[in-house]
Amino acid sequence: MAIQHATDQNFNQLVQGNGITVVNFWASWCGPCRMFAPVLEAFAMEAEGKVGVIKVNVDENPVTSAQYGIMSIPSTLIFQNGTLKYKETGILPAGTLRALASGEAG
């Protein structure tokens, strides 16, 4: 499965699954978000079947963004079995993203 796009309505359902879910909060007007997008897409392909990857557009989904205190983007959250385990603002290098998703960092 490729990157899923979450909404305020389905976000909780998408992160409640078993295992690790990486969530990227972004906006179309955000330059750093556009720079991070290819890294996230490559990670999603590499981690397919092992880690869920979700994107949340902050402009279109203000409730979820506010619920998790997203004040700057891009922001990356890591959930494990529906529980928030890690939150970082900014562009994450691919290696850091891999390590966080595997539980080796954070």
Protein backbone atom coordinates (compact mmCIF):
# COMPACT_ATOMS: atom_id res chain seq x y z
CA MET A 1 0.00 0.00 0.00
CA ALA A 2 1.29 3.42 -0.91
CA ILE A 3 0.91 6.55 1.17
CA GLN A 4 -2.62 7.02 2.48
CA HIS A 5 -4.17 10.45 2.81
CA ALA A 6 -6.00 10.89 6.12
CA THR A 7 -8.82 13.27 6.94
CA ASP A 8 -10.24 14.51 10.22
CA GLN A 9 -12.92 11.84 9.79
CA ASN A 10 -10.70 8.77 9.22
CA PHE A 11 -7.41 9.63 10.95
CA ASN A 12 -8.01 7.68 14.16
CA GLN A 13 -9.13 4.62 12.22
CA LEU A 14 -5.96 4.69 10.09
CA VAL A 15 -3.52 4.92 13.02
CA GLN A 16 -5.30 2.35 15.20
CA GLY A 17 -3.93 -0.58 13.20
CA ASN A 18 -1.34 -2.99 14.48
CA GLY A 19 2.28 -2.03 14.20
CA ILE A 20 3.99 1.21 13.28
CA THR A 21 2.39 4.11 11.41
CA VAL A 22 4.37 7.14 10.21
CA VAL A 23 2.24 10.28 9.85
CA ASN A 24 3.39 13.36 7.95
CA PHE A 25 1.58 16.66 8.49
CA TRP A 26 2.06 18.94 5.46
CA ALA A 27 0.56 21.62 3.20
CA SER A 28 0.82 22.22 -0.54
CA TRP A 29 2.30 25.71 -0.06
CA CYS A 30 5.10 24.46 2.25
CA GLY A 31 8.53 24.38 0.56
CA PRO A 32 10.16 22.06 3.13
CA CYS A 33 7.13 19.74 2.82
CA ARG A 34 7.74 19.49 -0.93
CA MET A 35 11.41 18.72 -0.24
CA PHE A 36 10.47 15.96 2.23
CA ALA A 37 7.83 14.38 -0.04
CA PRO A 38 10.26 12.29 -2.17
CA VAL A 39 11.99 10.98 0.98
CA LEU A 40 8.63 9.97 2.43
CA GLU A 41 7.51 8.38 -0.85
CA ALA A 42 10.72 6.33 -1.12
CA PHE A 43 10.35 5.26 2.51
CA ALA A 44 6.73 4.22 1.92
CA MET A 45 7.75 2.02 -0.99
CA GLU A 46 10.66 0.52 0.96
CA ALA A 47 8.55 -0.14 4.06
CA GLU A 48 5.44 -1.40 2.25
CA GLY A 49 3.78 -4.18 4.19
CA LYS A 50 5.80 -3.40 7.33
CA VAL A 51 4.97 0.23 8.19
CA GLY A 52 1.93 2.34 7.39
CA VAL A 53 2.57 5.80 5.96
CA ILE A 54 -0.08 8.52 6.15
CA LYS A 55 -0.13 12.17 5.07
CA VAL A 56 -2.40 14.79 6.64
CA ASN A 57 -2.93 18.12 4.88
CA VAL A 58 -3.08 20.66 7.73
CA ASP A 59 -5.19 23.13 5.74
CA GLU A 60 -7.86 20.56 4.95
CA ASN A 61 -7.80 18.80 8.34
CA PRO A 62 -7.55 21.39 11.12
CA VAL A 63 -9.13 19.21 13.83
CA THR A 64 -6.49 16.48 13.63
CA SER A 65 -3.71 19.05 13.29
CA ALA A 66 -4.89 20.83 16.44
CA GLN A 67 -5.40 17.56 18.32
CA TYR A 68 -1.69 16.77 17.92
CA GLY A 69 -0.46 20.34 18.43
CA ILE A 70 0.93 20.78 14.94
CA MET A 71 2.31 24.33 14.89
CA SER A 72 5.02 23.90 12.22
CA ILE A 73 5.27 21.74 9.14
CA PRO A 74 6.44 19.35 8.01
CA SER A 75 5.87 17.42 11.21
CA THR A 76 6.28 13.67 11.52
CA LEU A 77 4.55 11.57 14.15
CA ILE A 78 5.19 7.88 14.79
CA PHE A 79 2.40 5.76 16.20
CA GLN A 80 2.72 2.21 17.50
CA ASN A 81 -0.54 0.29 17.78
CA GLY A 82 -2.44 3.57 17.84
CA THR A 83 -0.31 5.23 20.53
CA LEU A 84 1.81 8.29 19.75
CA LYS A 85 5.47 7.39 20.37
CA TYR A 86 7.43 10.19 18.67
CA LYS A 87 6.95 13.69 17.24
CA GLU A 88 9.45 15.73 15.22
CA THR A 89 9.20 18.95 13.24
CA GLY A 90 11.25 19.46 10.10
CA ILE A 91 12.68 17.31 7.35
CA LEU A 92 13.89 13.94 8.56
CA PRO A 93 16.74 12.22 6.71
CA ALA A 94 15.81 8.82 5.26
CA GLY A 95 18.06 6.99 7.73
CA THR A 96 16.45 8.70 10.71
CA LEU A 97 12.99 7.89 9.37
CA ARG A 98 13.97 4.22 8.99
CA ALA A 99 15.46 4.09 12.48
CA LEU A 100 12.40 5.73 14.08
CA ALA A 101 10.00 3.41 12.28
CA SER A 102 11.98 0.37 13.34
CA GLY A 103 12.11 1.50 16.97
CA GLU A 104 15.90 1.97 16.91
CA ALA A 105 15.76 5.69 17.68
CA GLY A 106 13.59 8.16 19.49
